[in-house]
Amino acid sequence: MCGLATLRAPTSGSDALPPSPAPRRTLPGVSLCPACGHENQAGANFCSKCGTPVDATAPAQREERKVVSVLFCDLVGFTAASEHADPEDVRARLRPYHAQLQQVIEGHGGTVEKFVGDGR
């Protein structure tokens, strides 16, 4: 069983998203890490929290809104058939399914970010 959901952020009405918060302000000479947002000392070449290179002259990253489609699939009976199996056997059983599903999705211009379990 599979389902496809296209998610769009409402732009007006009671379900509309609130406006984006104002850009974060920093003290003069302090630079924000582009990866984690940590405030670094003036002149720092790398983030003191995560180690990402910091470029004080780089413009702040801007937010972007995208329309995404999310595909949900359920392998009927899979949990019952797998709950007493070895993890290696379960992965071996899923590998061809994931490969074929990814091929079909990418063949239609999609991108697979990840495969996740049954959510139990």
C-alpha atoms as a PDB file:
ATOM      1  CA  MET A   1       0.000   0.000   0.000  1.00  0.00           C
ATOM      2  CA  CYS A   2       1.463   3.345  -1.010  1.00  0.00           C
ATOM      3  CA  GLY A   3       0.260   6.915  -0.796  1.00  0.00           C
ATOM      4  CA  LEU A   4       1.589  10.190  -2.105  1.00  0.00           C
ATOM      5  CA  ALA A   5       1.158  13.472  -0.283  1.00  0.00           C
ATOM      6  CA  THR A   6       2.115  16.839  -1.735  1.00  0.00           C
ATOM      7  CA  LEU A   7       2.759  19.331   1.022  1.00  0.00           C
ATOM      8  CA  ARG A   8       2.261  23.010   0.361  1.00  0.00           C
ATOM      9  CA  ALA A   9       2.529  25.720   2.947  1.00  0.00           C
ATOM     10  CA  PRO A  10      -0.650  27.844   2.970  1.00  0.00           C
ATOM     11  CA  THR A  11       0.044  31.467   2.108  1.00  0.00           C
ATOM     12  CA  SER A  12      -3.163  33.003   3.473  1.00  0.00           C
ATOM     13  CA  GLY A  13      -6.041  32.255   5.803  1.00  0.00           C
ATOM     14  CA  SER A  14      -6.080  30.757   9.271  1.00  0.00           C
ATOM     15  CA  ASP A  15      -3.697  27.920   8.265  1.00  0.00           C
ATOM     16  CA  ALA A  16      -1.036  30.253   6.896  1.00  0.00           C
ATOM     17  CA  LEU A  17       2.446  29.994   8.315  1.00  0.00           C
ATOM     18  CA  PRO A  18       3.519  32.892  10.514  1.00  0.00           C
ATOM     19  CA  PRO A  19       5.958  35.311   8.921  1.00  0.00           C
ATOM     20  CA  SER A  20       9.608  34.331   9.150  1.00  0.00           C
ATOM     21  CA  PRO A  21      11.317  35.768  12.210  1.00  0.00           C
ATOM     22  CA  ALA A  22      13.586  38.741  11.773  1.00  0.00           C
ATOM     23  CA  PRO A  23      17.189  37.852  10.949  1.00  0.00           C
ATOM     24  CA  ARG A  24      19.252  37.048  14.034  1.00  0.00           C
ATOM     25  CA  ARG A  25      21.352  39.995  15.132  1.00  0.00           C
ATOM     26  CA  THR A  26      24.898  39.544  16.345  1.00  0.00           C
ATOM     27  CA  LEU A  27      27.410  41.775  18.037  1.00  0.00           C
ATOM     28  CA  PRO A  28      29.879  43.572  15.772  1.00  0.00           C
ATOM     29  CA  GLY A  29      32.834  41.333  14.977  1.00  0.00           C
ATOM     30  CA  VAL A  30      30.930  38.145  15.817  1.00  0.00           C
ATOM     31  CA  SER A  31      30.258  35.742  12.980  1.00  0.00           C
ATOM     32  CA  LEU A  32      27.596  33.050  12.807  1.00  0.00           C
ATOM     33  CA  CYS A  33      28.489  29.527  11.738  1.00  0.00           C
ATOM     34  CA  PRO A  34      26.730  28.681   8.462  1.00  0.00           C
ATOM     35  CA  ALA A  35      26.172  25.091   9.623  1.00  0.00           C
ATOM     36  CA  CYS A  36      25.029  25.296  13.261  1.00  0.00           C
ATOM     37  CA  GLY A  37      24.392  29.025  13.854  1.00  0.00           C
ATOM     38  CA  HIS A  38      26.877  29.257  16.745  1.00  0.00           C
ATOM     39  CA  GLU A  39      28.277  32.736  17.454  1.00  0.00           C
ATOM     40  CA  ASN A  40      32.050  32.732  17.033  1.00  0.00           C
ATOM     41  CA  GLN A  41      34.676  35.221  18.183  1.00  0.00           C
ATOM     42  CA  ALA A  42      35.878  37.863  15.789  1.00  0.00           C
ATOM     43  CA  GLY A  43      38.534  36.567  13.421  1.00  0.00           C
ATOM     44  CA  ALA A  44      37.672  32.890  13.945  1.00  0.00           C
ATOM     45  CA  ASN A  45      38.432  30.771  10.894  1.00  0.00           C
ATOM     46  CA  PHE A  46      36.470  27.754  12.146  1.00  0.00           C
ATOM     47  CA  CYS A  47      33.345  27.359  14.275  1.00  0.00           C
ATOM     48  CA  SER A  48      34.300  26.669  17.887  1.00  0.00           C
ATOM     49  CA  LYS A  49      31.263  24.390  18.271  1.00  0.00           C
ATOM     50  CA  CYS A  50      31.193  22.208  15.130  1.00  0.00           C
ATOM     51  CA  GLY A  51      34.456  22.980  13.289  1.00  0.00           C
ATOM     52  CA  THR A  52      32.874  24.258  10.068  1.00  0.00           C
ATOM     53  CA  PRO A  53      34.915  26.920   8.237  1.00  0.00           C
ATOM     54  CA  VAL A  54      33.537  30.396   9.050  1.00  0.00           C
ATOM     55  CA  ASP A  55      33.700  33.162   6.466  1.00  0.00           C
ATOM     56  CA  ALA A  56      32.779  36.466   8.080  1.00  0.00           C
ATOM     57  CA  THR A  57      32.389  38.096   4.664  1.00  0.00           C
ATOM     58  CA  ALA A  58      29.912  35.509   3.371  1.00  0.00           C
ATOM     59  CA  PRO A  59      26.319  36.696   3.113  1.00  0.00           C
ATOM     60  CA  ALA A  60      23.854  35.130   5.518  1.00  0.00           C
ATOM     61  CA  GLN A  61      22.026  32.108   4.157  1.00  0.00           C
ATOM     62  CA  ARG A  62      18.520  32.914   3.111  1.00  0.00           C
ATOM     63  CA  GLU A  63      15.574  30.707   3.773  1.00  0.00           C
ATOM     64  CA  GLU A  64      13.832  28.958   0.932  1.00  0.00           C
ATOM     65  CA  ARG A  65      10.333  27.546   0.756  1.00  0.00           C
ATOM     66  CA  LYS A  66       9.797  24.449  -1.363  1.00  0.00           C
ATOM     67  CA  VAL A  67       6.921  22.214  -2.328  1.00  0.00           C
ATOM     68  CA  VAL A  68       7.711  18.601  -1.469  1.00  0.00           C
ATOM     69  CA  SER A  69       6.015  15.304  -2.139  1.00  0.00           C
ATOM     70  CA  VAL A  70       6.274  12.548   0.438  1.00  0.00           C
ATOM     71  CA  LEU A  71       5.725   8.906  -0.466  1.00  0.00           C
ATOM     72  CA  PHE A  72       4.482   6.519   2.216  1.00  0.00           C
ATOM     73  CA  CYS A  73       4.566   2.781   1.530  1.00  0.00           C
ATOM     74  CA  ASP A  74       3.572  -0.092   3.780  1.00  0.00           C
ATOM     75  CA  LEU A  75       4.832  -3.610   3.187  1.00  0.00           C
ATOM     76  CA  VAL A  76       1.791  -5.545   4.389  1.00  0.00           C
ATOM     77  CA  GLY A  77       2.767  -8.293   6.815  1.00  0.00           C
ATOM     78  CA  PHE A  78       6.424  -7.277   6.856  1.00  0.00           C
ATOM     79  CA  THR A  79       6.619  -6.556  10.593  1.00  0.00           C
ATOM     80  CA  ALA A  80       5.100  -9.896  11.556  1.00  0.00           C
ATOM     81  CA  ALA A  81       7.368 -11.738   9.125  1.00  0.00           C
ATOM     82  CA  SER A  82      10.480  -9.896  10.318  1.00  0.00           C
ATOM     83  CA  GLU A  83      10.122  -9.464  14.071  1.00  0.00           C
ATOM     84  CA  HIS A  84      11.809 -12.795  14.863  1.00  0.00           C
ATOM     85  CA  ALA A  85      14.361 -12.669  12.028  1.00  0.00           C
ATOM     86  CA  ASP A  86      18.011 -11.683  12.349  1.00  0.00           C
ATOM     87  CA  PRO A  87      18.696  -8.022  11.452  1.00  0.00           C
ATOM     88  CA  GLU A  88      21.037  -9.121   8.644  1.00  0.00           C
ATOM     89  CA  ASP A  89      18.256 -11.214   7.099  1.00  0.00           C
ATOM     90  CA  VAL A  90      15.791  -8.329   7.337  1.00  0.00           C
ATOM     91  CA  ARG A  91      18.253  -5.963   5.640  1.00  0.00           C
ATOM     92  CA  ALA A  92      18.951  -8.542   2.926  1.00  0.00           C
ATOM     93  CA  ARG A  93      15.222  -8.842   2.344  1.00  0.00           C
ATOM     94  CA  LEU A  94      14.739  -5.055   2.140  1.00  0.00           C
ATOM     95  CA  ARG A  95      17.788  -4.239   0.002  1.00  0.00           C
ATOM     96  CA  PRO A  96      16.283  -5.300  -3.389  1.00  0.00           C
ATOM     97  CA  TYR A  97      12.981  -3.598  -2.552  1.00  0.00           C
ATOM     98  CA  HIS A  98      14.721  -0.332  -1.638  1.00  0.00           C
ATOM     99  CA  ALA A  99      16.903  -0.481  -4.764  1.00  0.00           C
ATOM    100  CA  GLN A 100      13.905  -0.978  -7.054  1.00  0.00           C
ATOM    101  CA  LEU A 101      11.823   1.680  -5.296  1.00  0.00           C
ATOM    102  CA  GLN A 102      14.678   4.182  -5.491  1.00  0.00           C
ATOM    103  CA  GLN A 103      15.166   3.440  -9.200  1.00  0.00           C
ATOM    104  CA  VAL A 104      11.490   4.051  -9.941  1.00  0.00           C
ATOM    105  CA  ILE A 105      11.342   7.258  -7.870  1.00  0.00           C
ATOM    106  CA  GLU A 106      14.515   8.674  -9.431  1.00  0.00           C
ATOM    107  CA  GLY A 107      13.269   7.623 -12.878  1.00  0.00           C
ATOM    108  CA  HIS A 108      10.376  10.025 -12.353  1.00  0.00           C
ATOM    109  CA  GLY A 109      12.704  12.855 -11.285  1.00  0.00           C
ATOM    110  CA  GLY A 110      12.335  12.283  -7.550  1.00  0.00           C
ATOM    111  CA  THR A 111      14.949  12.125  -4.836  1.00  0.00           C
ATOM    112  CA  VAL A 112      15.049   9.564  -2.059  1.00  0.00           C
ATOM    113  CA  GLU A 113      16.265  11.142   1.157  1.00  0.00           C
ATOM    114  CA  LYS A 114      15.910   8.071   3.341  1.00  0.00           C
ATOM    115  CA  PHE A 115      14.032   4.881   3.997  1.00  0.00           C
ATOM    116  CA  VAL A 116      12.595   4.518   7.500  1.00  0.00           C
ATOM    117  CA  GLY A 117      11.003   1.697   9.475  1.00  0.00           C
ATOM    118  CA  ASP A 118       7.371   1.007  10.213  1.00  0.00           C
ATOM    119  CA  GLY A 119       7.123   3.527  13.042  1.00  0.00           C
ATOM    120  CA  ARG A 120       6.067   1.057  15.722  1.00  0.00           C
END
